[in-house]
Amino acid sequence: MRRTRVVALTRLRCTECGAVFILWRLQSRRRAEGHVKHLWCFCCQEVTAHRELATWASDNAASLH
């Protein structure tokens, strides 16, 4: 039997230019808000620090009120 992997969308914001990058991550390997990951930024054209944003569910709940 195959094991199902649950994935979640993660949003990362570039600390240099503010561009948002979406990353698929396993649900079991999610990181806390504010976690820093160094990635290639498509706007800056170099490797920069990206900060993890709040989860989608909490953002959607806040916008409803």
C-alpha atoms as a PDB file:
ATOM      1  CA  MET A   1       0.000   0.000   0.000  1.00  0.00           C
ATOM      2  CA  ARG A   2       1.238   3.481  -0.826  1.00  0.00           C
ATOM      3  CA  ARG A   3       1.736   6.028   1.884  1.00  0.00           C
ATOM      4  CA  THR A   4       0.140   9.433   1.251  1.00  0.00           C
ATOM      5  CA  ARG A   5       2.296  12.496   1.789  1.00  0.00           C
ATOM      6  CA  VAL A   6       0.492  15.580   3.010  1.00  0.00           C
ATOM      7  CA  VAL A   7       2.017  18.793   1.648  1.00  0.00           C
ATOM      8  CA  ALA A   8       1.344  22.414   2.533  1.00  0.00           C
ATOM      9  CA  LEU A   9       2.044  25.721   0.833  1.00  0.00           C
ATOM     10  CA  THR A  10       4.578  27.948   2.534  1.00  0.00           C
ATOM     11  CA  ARG A  11       5.122  31.607   1.683  1.00  0.00           C
ATOM     12  CA  LEU A  12       8.599  33.110   1.966  1.00  0.00           C
ATOM     13  CA  ARG A  13       9.306  36.852   1.597  1.00  0.00           C
ATOM     14  CA  CYS A  14      12.667  38.141   0.376  1.00  0.00           C
ATOM     15  CA  THR A  15      14.264  40.371   3.021  1.00  0.00           C
ATOM     16  CA  GLU A  16      15.916  42.530   0.329  1.00  0.00           C
ATOM     17  CA  CYS A  17      13.128  43.350  -2.159  1.00  0.00           C
ATOM     18  CA  GLY A  18       9.954  41.956  -0.533  1.00  0.00           C
ATOM     19  CA  ALA A  19       9.058  39.498  -3.321  1.00  0.00           C
ATOM     20  CA  VAL A  20       6.978  36.515  -2.158  1.00  0.00           C
ATOM     21  CA  PHE A  21       8.081  32.999  -3.090  1.00  0.00           C
ATOM     22  CA  ILE A  22       5.779  29.975  -2.685  1.00  0.00           C
ATOM     23  CA  LEU A  23       7.331  26.714  -1.565  1.00  0.00           C
ATOM     24  CA  TRP A  24       5.694  23.297  -1.210  1.00  0.00           C
ATOM     25  CA  ARG A  25       6.749  21.614   2.029  1.00  0.00           C
ATOM     26  CA  LEU A  26       5.734  18.387   3.734  1.00  0.00           C
ATOM     27  CA  GLN A  27       3.161  19.051   6.466  1.00  0.00           C
ATOM     28  CA  SER A  28       5.369  17.257   8.998  1.00  0.00           C
ATOM     29  CA  ARG A  29       8.359  19.504   8.126  1.00  0.00           C
ATOM     30  CA  ARG A  30       6.696  22.912   8.407  1.00  0.00           C
ATOM     31  CA  ARG A  31       8.684  25.716  10.004  1.00  0.00           C
ATOM     32  CA  ALA A  32       7.658  28.410  12.452  1.00  0.00           C
ATOM     33  CA  GLU A  33       6.790  31.915  11.307  1.00  0.00           C
ATOM     34  CA  GLY A  34       9.948  33.990  10.985  1.00  0.00           C
ATOM     35  CA  HIS A  35      12.196  31.066  10.011  1.00  0.00           C
ATOM     36  CA  VAL A  36      14.945  32.232   7.605  1.00  0.00           C
ATOM     37  CA  LYS A  37      15.863  30.271   4.475  1.00  0.00           C
ATOM     38  CA  HIS A  38      18.416  31.363   1.882  1.00  0.00           C
ATOM     39  CA  LEU A  39      17.062  31.020  -1.669  1.00  0.00           C
ATOM     40  CA  TRP A  40      17.652  32.407  -5.153  1.00  0.00           C
ATOM     41  CA  CYS A  41      15.443  35.502  -5.522  1.00  0.00           C
ATOM     42  CA  PHE A  42      14.025  35.954  -9.021  1.00  0.00           C
ATOM     43  CA  CYS A  43      13.867  39.757  -8.555  1.00  0.00           C
ATOM     44  CA  CYS A  44      17.269  40.372  -6.924  1.00  0.00           C
ATOM     45  CA  GLN A  45      18.996  37.771  -9.154  1.00  0.00           C
ATOM     46  CA  GLU A  46      21.084  36.496  -6.228  1.00  0.00           C
ATOM     47  CA  VAL A  47      20.839  34.284  -3.160  1.00  0.00           C
ATOM     48  CA  THR A  48      19.130  36.220  -0.354  1.00  0.00           C
ATOM     49  CA  ALA A  49      17.500  35.489   2.989  1.00  0.00           C
ATOM     50  CA  HIS A  50      13.772  34.750   2.821  1.00  0.00           C
ATOM     51  CA  ARG A  51      11.604  34.941   5.949  1.00  0.00           C
ATOM     52  CA  GLU A  52       8.711  32.522   6.487  1.00  0.00           C
ATOM     53  CA  LEU A  53       5.304  34.229   6.615  1.00  0.00           C
ATOM     54  CA  ALA A  54       2.215  33.250   8.602  1.00  0.00           C
ATOM     55  CA  THR A  55       0.217  30.255   7.413  1.00  0.00           C
ATOM     56  CA  TRP A  56      -2.505  30.596   4.768  1.00  0.00           C
ATOM     57  CA  ALA A  57      -5.274  29.568   7.183  1.00  0.00           C
ATOM     58  CA  SER A  58      -4.508  32.302   9.720  1.00  0.00           C
ATOM     59  CA  ASP A  59      -4.264  34.937   6.948  1.00  0.00           C
ATOM     60  CA  ASN A  60      -7.629  33.915   5.475  1.00  0.00           C
ATOM     61  CA  ALA A  61      -9.339  33.900   8.891  1.00  0.00           C
ATOM     62  CA  ALA A  62      -8.044  37.413   9.663  1.00  0.00           C
ATOM     63  CA  SER A  63      -9.297  38.785   6.348  1.00  0.00           C
ATOM     64  CA  LEU A  64     -12.841  37.491   7.009  1.00  0.00           C
ATOM     65  CA  HIS A  65     -13.285  39.621  10.149  1.00  0.00           C
END
